[in-house]
All heavy atoms as atom14 arrays in JSON, in Angstrom:
{
  "sequence": "VLGGVLAAVLYARFLGQGQDPAQAENAAETA",
  "atom14_mask": [
    [1, 1, 1, 1, 1, 1, 1, 0, 0, 0, 0, 0, 0, 0],
    [1, 1, 1, 1, 1, 1, 1, 1, 0, 0, 0, 0, 0, 0],
    [1, 1, 1, 1, 0, 0, 0, 0, 0, 0, 0, 0, 0, 0],
    [1, 1, 1, 1, 0, 0, 0, 0, 0, 0, 0, 0, 0, 0],
    [1, 1, 1, 1, 1, 1, 1, 0, 0, 0, 0, 0, 0, 0],
    [1, 1, 1, 1, 1, 1, 1, 1, 0, 0, 0, 0, 0, 0],
    [1, 1, 1, 1, 1, 0, 0, 0, 0, 0, 0, 0, 0, 0],
    [1, 1, 1, 1, 1, 0, 0, 0, 0, 0, 0, 0, 0, 0],
    [1, 1, 1, 1, 1, 1, 1, 0, 0, 0, 0, 0, 0, 0],
    [1, 1, 1, 1, 1, 1, 1, 1, 0, 0, 0, 0, 0, 0],
    [1, 1, 1, 1, 1, 1, 1, 1, 1, 1, 1, 1, 0, 0],
    [1, 1, 1, 1, 1, 0, 0, 0, 0, 0, 0, 0, 0, 0],
    [1, 1, 1, 1, 1, 1, 1, 1, 1, 1, 1, 0, 0, 0],
    [1, 1, 1, 1, 1, 1, 1, 1, 1, 1, 1, 0, 0, 0],
    [1, 1, 1, 1, 1, 1, 1, 1, 0, 0, 0, 0, 0, 0],
    [1, 1, 1, 1, 0, 0, 0, 0, 0, 0, 0, 0, 0, 0],
    [1, 1, 1, 1, 1, 1, 1, 1, 1, 0, 0, 0, 0, 0],
    [1, 1, 1, 1, 0, 0, 0, 0, 0, 0, 0, 0, 0, 0],
    [1, 1, 1, 1, 1, 1, 1, 1, 1, 0, 0, 0, 0, 0],
    [1, 1, 1, 1, 1, 1, 1, 1, 0, 0, 0, 0, 0, 0],
    [1, 1, 1, 1, 1, 1, 1, 0, 0, 0, 0, 0, 0, 0],
    [1, 1, 1, 1, 1, 0, 0, 0, 0, 0, 0, 0, 0, 0],
    [1, 1, 1, 1, 1, 1, 1, 1, 1, 0, 0, 0, 0, 0],
    [1, 1, 1, 1, 1, 0, 0, 0, 0, 0, 0, 0, 0, 0],
    [1, 1, 1, 1, 1, 1, 1, 1, 1, 0, 0, 0, 0, 0],
    [1, 1, 1, 1, 1, 1, 1, 1, 0, 0, 0, 0, 0, 0],
    [1, 1, 1, 1, 1, 0, 0, 0, 0, 0, 0, 0, 0, 0],
    [1, 1, 1, 1, 1, 0, 0, 0, 0, 0, 0, 0, 0, 0],
    [1, 1, 1, 1, 1, 1, 1, 1, 1, 0, 0, 0, 0, 0],
    [1, 1, 1, 1, 1, 1, 1, 0, 0, 0, 0, 0, 0, 0],
    [1, 1, 1, 1, 1, 0, 0, 0, 0, 0, 0, 0, 0, 0]
  ],
  "atom14_positions": [
    [[58.07, 120.83, 166.34], [58.22, 119.49, 165.75], [58.35, 119.6, 164.23], [59.23, 118.97, 163.61], [57.03, 118.58, 166.12], [57.05, 117.29, 165.3], [57.08, 118.26, 167.62], [0.0, 0.0, 0.0], [0.0, 0.0, 0.0], [0.0, 0.0, 0.0], [0.0, 0.0, 0.0], [0.0, 0.0, 0.0], [0.0, 0.0, 0.0], [0.0, 0.0, 0.0]],
    [[57.5, 120.4, 163.61], [57.58, 120.57, 162.15], [58.92, 121.19, 161.75], [59.58, 120.7, 160.82], [56.43, 121.45, 161.66], [56.44, 121.76, 160.15], [56.32, 120.49, 159.34], [55.31, 122.74, 159.8], [0.0, 0.0, 0.0], [0.0, 0.0, 0.0], [0.0, 0.0, 0.0], [0.0, 0.0, 0.0], [0.0, 0.0, 0.0], [0.0, 0.0, 0.0]],
    [[59.32, 122.24, 162.42], [60.58, 122.9, 162.1], [61.76, 121.96, 162.28], [62.68, 121.92, 161.45], [0.0, 0.0, 0.0], [0.0, 0.0, 0.0], [0.0, 0.0, 0.0], [0.0, 0.0, 0.0], [0.0, 0.0, 0.0], [0.0, 0.0, 0.0], [0.0, 0.0, 0.0], [0.0, 0.0, 0.0], [0.0, 0.0, 0.0], [0.0, 0.0, 0.0]],
    [[61.75, 121.18, 163.37], [62.84, 120.25, 163.62], [62.93, 119.15, 162.58], [64.01, 118.81, 162.11], [0.0, 0.0, 0.0], [0.0, 0.0, 0.0], [0.0, 0.0, 0.0], [0.0, 0.0, 0.0], [0.0, 0.0, 0.0], [0.0, 0.0, 0.0], [0.0, 0.0, 0.0], [0.0, 0.0, 0.0], [0.0, 0.0, 0.0], [0.0, 0.0, 0.0]],
    [[61.8, 118.58, 162.22], [61.78, 117.52, 161.22], [62.27, 118.03, 159.86], [63.07, 117.38, 159.18], [60.36, 116.91, 161.09], [60.27, 116.0, 159.86], [60.01, 116.12, 162.35], [0.0, 0.0, 0.0], [0.0, 0.0, 0.0], [0.0, 0.0, 0.0], [0.0, 0.0, 0.0], [0.0, 0.0, 0.0], [0.0, 0.0, 0.0], [0.0, 0.0, 0.0]],
    [[61.81, 119.2, 159.47], [62.25, 119.76, 158.19], [63.76, 120.0, 158.17], [64.43, 119.72, 157.17], [61.52, 121.08, 157.91], [60.03, 120.97, 157.56], [59.42, 122.36, 157.41], [59.83, 120.17, 156.28], [0.0, 0.0, 0.0], [0.0, 0.0, 0.0], [0.0, 0.0, 0.0], [0.0, 0.0, 0.0], [0.0, 0.0, 0.0], [0.0, 0.0, 0.0]],
    [[64.3, 120.47, 159.27], [65.74, 120.72, 159.35], [66.54, 119.42, 159.24], [67.53, 119.33, 158.51], [66.1, 121.44, 160.64], [0.0, 0.0, 0.0], [0.0, 0.0, 0.0], [0.0, 0.0, 0.0], [0.0, 0.0, 0.0], [0.0, 0.0, 0.0], [0.0, 0.0, 0.0], [0.0, 0.0, 0.0], [0.0, 0.0, 0.0], [0.0, 0.0, 0.0]],
    [[66.08, 118.39, 159.97], [66.79, 117.11, 159.95], [66.72, 116.47, 158.58], [67.7, 115.89, 158.09], [66.2, 116.19, 161.01], [0.0, 0.0, 0.0], [0.0, 0.0, 0.0], [0.0, 0.0, 0.0], [0.0, 0.0, 0.0], [0.0, 0.0, 0.0], [0.0, 0.0, 0.0], [0.0, 0.0, 0.0], [0.0, 0.0, 0.0], [0.0, 0.0, 0.0]],
    [[65.56, 116.55, 157.94], [65.4, 115.97, 156.59], [66.28, 116.72, 155.59], [66.95, 116.12, 154.74], [63.93, 116.0, 156.15], [63.8, 115.65, 154.66], [63.1, 115.05, 157.0], [0.0, 0.0, 0.0], [0.0, 0.0, 0.0], [0.0, 0.0, 0.0], [0.0, 0.0, 0.0], [0.0, 0.0, 0.0], [0.0, 0.0, 0.0], [0.0, 0.0, 0.0]],
    [[66.3, 118.04, 155.68], [67.12, 118.84, 154.79], [68.59, 118.46, 154.9], [69.29, 118.28, 153.9], [66.94, 120.33, 155.1], [67.86, 121.29, 154.32], [67.48, 121.31, 152.84], [67.78, 122.7, 154.91], [0.0, 0.0, 0.0], [0.0, 0.0, 0.0], [0.0, 0.0, 0.0], [0.0, 0.0, 0.0], [0.0, 0.0, 0.0], [0.0, 0.0, 0.0]],
    [[69.05, 118.33, 156.13], [70.46, 118.01, 156.33], [70.77, 116.59, 155.85], [71.79, 116.37, 155.18], [70.85, 118.15, 157.81], [72.34, 118.03, 158.02], [73.18, 119.12, 157.79], [72.92, 116.83, 158.4], [74.55, 119.02, 157.94], [74.29, 116.72, 158.55], [75.1, 117.81, 158.33], [76.46, 117.69, 158.46], [0.0, 0.0, 0.0], [0.0, 0.0, 0.0]],
    [[69.88, 115.65, 156.19], [70.12, 114.26, 155.79], [70.13, 114.08, 154.28], [70.92, 113.31, 153.74], [69.08, 113.36, 156.45], [0.0, 0.0, 0.0], [0.0, 0.0, 0.0], [0.0, 0.0, 0.0], [0.0, 0.0, 0.0], [0.0, 0.0, 0.0], [0.0, 0.0, 0.0], [0.0, 0.0, 0.0], [0.0, 0.0, 0.0], [0.0, 0.0, 0.0]],
    [[69.23, 114.79, 153.61], [69.07, 114.59, 152.15], [70.03, 115.42, 151.32], [70.48, 114.97, 150.26], [67.63, 114.93, 151.75], [66.57, 114.05, 152.37], [66.47, 112.7, 151.69], [65.45, 111.86, 152.29], [64.17, 111.89, 151.93], [63.76, 112.75, 151.01], [63.3, 111.1, 152.52], [0.0, 0.0, 0.0], [0.0, 0.0, 0.0], [0.0, 0.0, 0.0]],
    [[70.34, 116.63, 151.78], [71.06, 117.56, 150.91], [72.36, 118.13, 151.47], [73.24, 118.51, 150.68], [70.14, 118.72, 150.51], [68.88, 118.3, 149.85], [67.67, 118.36, 150.53], [68.88, 117.84, 148.54], [66.49, 117.96, 149.93], [67.7, 117.44, 147.93], [66.5, 117.49, 148.62], [0.0, 0.0, 0.0], [0.0, 0.0, 0.0], [0.0, 0.0, 0.0]],
    [[72.49, 118.24, 152.76], [73.63, 118.96, 153.32], [74.62, 118.08, 154.05], [75.7, 118.53, 154.41], [73.14, 120.05, 154.3], [72.17, 121.08, 153.71], [71.73, 122.06, 154.79], [72.81, 121.83, 152.55], [0.0, 0.0, 0.0], [0.0, 0.0, 0.0], [0.0, 0.0, 0.0], [0.0, 0.0, 0.0], [0.0, 0.0, 0.0], [0.0, 0.0, 0.0]],
    [[74.27, 116.84, 154.31], [75.15, 115.93, 155.05], [76.39, 115.58, 154.28], [76.59, 116.01, 153.11], [0.0, 0.0, 0.0], [0.0, 0.0, 0.0], [0.0, 0.0, 0.0], [0.0, 0.0, 0.0], [0.0, 0.0, 0.0], [0.0, 0.0, 0.0], [0.0, 0.0, 0.0], [0.0, 0.0, 0.0], [0.0, 0.0, 0.0], [0.0, 0.0, 0.0]],
    [[77.25, 114.81, 154.91], [78.53, 114.47, 154.31], [78.33, 113.77, 152.98], [77.69, 112.74, 152.87], [79.32, 113.57, 155.27], [80.75, 113.32, 154.78], [81.61, 112.79, 155.9], [81.2, 112.72, 157.05], [82.85, 112.45, 155.58], [0.0, 0.0, 0.0], [0.0, 0.0, 0.0], [0.0, 0.0, 0.0], [0.0, 0.0, 0.0], [0.0, 0.0, 0.0]],
    [[78.88, 114.37, 151.95], [78.77, 113.8, 150.61], [80.1, 113.23, 150.15], [81.04, 113.05, 150.92], [0.0, 0.0, 0.0], [0.0, 0.0, 0.0], [0.0, 0.0, 0.0], [0.0, 0.0, 0.0], [0.0, 0.0, 0.0], [0.0, 0.0, 0.0], [0.0, 0.0, 0.0], [0.0, 0.0, 0.0], [0.0, 0.0, 0.0], [0.0, 0.0, 0.0]],
    [[80.2, 112.97, 148.87], [81.41, 112.37, 148.32], [82.02, 113.32, 147.29], [81.31, 113.95, 146.51], [81.06, 111.03, 147.64], [82.28, 110.2, 147.27], [81.86, 108.85, 146.75], [80.78, 108.67, 146.21], [82.73, 107.86, 146.9], [0.0, 0.0, 0.0], [0.0, 0.0, 0.0], [0.0, 0.0, 0.0], [0.0, 0.0, 0.0], [0.0, 0.0, 0.0]],
    [[83.34, 113.45, 147.35], [84.03, 114.3, 146.38], [83.7, 113.81, 144.95], [83.69, 112.6, 144.69], [85.54, 114.23, 146.61], [86.3, 115.13, 145.68], [86.5, 116.29, 146.03], [86.69, 114.63, 144.61], [0.0, 0.0, 0.0], [0.0, 0.0, 0.0], [0.0, 0.0, 0.0], [0.0, 0.0, 0.0], [0.0, 0.0, 0.0], [0.0, 0.0, 0.0]],
    [[83.41, 114.72, 144.02], [83.06, 114.32, 142.65], [84.08, 113.39, 142.01], [83.73, 112.43, 141.34], [82.99, 115.66, 141.9], [82.61, 116.64, 142.94], [83.31, 116.18, 144.19], [0.0, 0.0, 0.0], [0.0, 0.0, 0.0], [0.0, 0.0, 0.0], [0.0, 0.0, 0.0], [0.0, 0.0, 0.0], [0.0, 0.0, 0.0], [0.0, 0.0, 0.0]],
    [[85.39, 113.66, 142.24], [86.42, 112.8, 141.66], [86.36, 111.41, 142.26], [86.51, 110.39, 141.56], [87.79, 113.42, 141.88], [0.0, 0.0, 0.0], [0.0, 0.0, 0.0], [0.0, 0.0, 0.0], [0.0, 0.0, 0.0], [0.0, 0.0, 0.0], [0.0, 0.0, 0.0], [0.0, 0.0, 0.0], [0.0, 0.0, 0.0], [0.0, 0.0, 0.0]],
    [[86.11, 111.34, 143.59], [86.01, 110.04, 144.24], [84.8, 109.29, 143.75], [84.83, 108.07, 143.57], [85.93, 110.22, 145.76], [87.21, 110.77, 146.39], [87.05, 110.96, 147.89], [85.96, 111.11, 148.4], [88.19, 110.96, 148.59], [0.0, 0.0, 0.0], [0.0, 0.0, 0.0], [0.0, 0.0, 0.0], [0.0, 0.0, 0.0], [0.0, 0.0, 0.0]],
    [[83.69, 110.01, 143.55], [82.48, 109.37, 143.05], [82.7, 108.8, 141.67], [82.24, 107.69, 141.35], [81.33, 110.38, 143.04], [0.0, 0.0, 0.0], [0.0, 0.0, 0.0], [0.0, 0.0, 0.0], [0.0, 0.0, 0.0], [0.0, 0.0, 0.0], [0.0, 0.0, 0.0], [0.0, 0.0, 0.0], [0.0, 0.0, 0.0], [0.0, 0.0, 0.0]],
    [[83.44, 109.56, 140.83], [83.71, 109.09, 139.46], [84.61, 107.85, 139.49], [84.36, 106.88, 138.75], [84.37, 110.21, 138.67], [84.61, 109.85, 137.2], [85.19, 111.0, 136.41], [85.2, 112.14, 136.95], [85.65, 110.75, 135.3], [0.0, 0.0, 0.0], [0.0, 0.0, 0.0], [0.0, 0.0, 0.0], [0.0, 0.0, 0.0], [0.0, 0.0, 0.0]],
    [[85.61, 107.88, 140.36], [86.51, 106.72, 140.46], [85.76, 105.5, 140.97], [86.0, 104.36, 140.52], [87.67, 107.04, 141.39], [88.62, 108.06, 140.82], [88.71, 108.2, 139.59], [89.34, 108.78, 141.67], [0.0, 0.0, 0.0], [0.0, 0.0, 0.0], [0.0, 0.0, 0.0], [0.0, 0.0, 0.0], [0.0, 0.0, 0.0], [0.0, 0.0, 0.0]],
    [[84.86, 105.74, 141.93], [84.08, 104.63, 142.47], [83.2, 104.01, 141.41], [83.02, 102.79, 141.34], [83.25, 105.11, 143.66], [0.0, 0.0, 0.0], [0.0, 0.0, 0.0], [0.0, 0.0, 0.0], [0.0, 0.0, 0.0], [0.0, 0.0, 0.0], [0.0, 0.0, 0.0], [0.0, 0.0, 0.0], [0.0, 0.0, 0.0], [0.0, 0.0, 0.0]],
    [[82.6, 104.88, 140.57], [81.74, 104.39, 139.51], [82.53, 103.58, 138.5], [82.08, 102.54, 138.0], [81.04, 105.57, 138.82], [0.0, 0.0, 0.0], [0.0, 0.0, 0.0], [0.0, 0.0, 0.0], [0.0, 0.0, 0.0], [0.0, 0.0, 0.0], [0.0, 0.0, 0.0], [0.0, 0.0, 0.0], [0.0, 0.0, 0.0], [0.0, 0.0, 0.0]],
    [[83.77, 104.06, 138.16], [84.6, 103.33, 137.2], [85.04, 101.98, 137.76], [85.08, 100.97, 137.06], [85.82, 104.18, 136.86], [85.49, 105.43, 136.04], [86.71, 106.3, 135.81], [87.77, 105.98, 136.39], [86.6, 107.28, 135.06], [0.0, 0.0, 0.0], [0.0, 0.0, 0.0], [0.0, 0.0, 0.0], [0.0, 0.0, 0.0], [0.0, 0.0, 0.0]],
    [[85.34, 101.97, 139.08], [85.75, 100.72, 139.71], [84.62, 99.71, 139.71], [84.82, 98.51, 139.46], [86.19, 100.98, 141.17], [87.27, 101.9, 141.16], [86.62, 99.69, 141.84], [0.0, 0.0, 0.0], [0.0, 0.0, 0.0], [0.0, 0.0, 0.0], [0.0, 0.0, 0.0], [0.0, 0.0, 0.0], [0.0, 0.0, 0.0], [0.0, 0.0, 0.0]],
    [[83.39, 100.2, 139.99], [82.23, 99.33, 140.02], [81.94, 98.76, 138.64], [81.5, 97.61, 138.48], [81.01, 100.09, 140.54], [0.0, 0.0, 0.0], [0.0, 0.0, 0.0], [0.0, 0.0, 0.0], [0.0, 0.0, 0.0], [0.0, 0.0, 0.0], [0.0, 0.0, 0.0], [0.0, 0.0, 0.0], [0.0, 0.0, 0.0], [0.0, 0.0, 0.0]]
  ]
}
C-alpha cells in the first residue's frame, strides 16, 4: 500500500502529462 501510494503520487505530481514550455508561455501571454 505504501509503495503503491508513493508511485501514484509521484506520477500524478511530477511525471504525468505536462505542458510544452512554449505552449505554457503562450497560454500565460493569452491569459
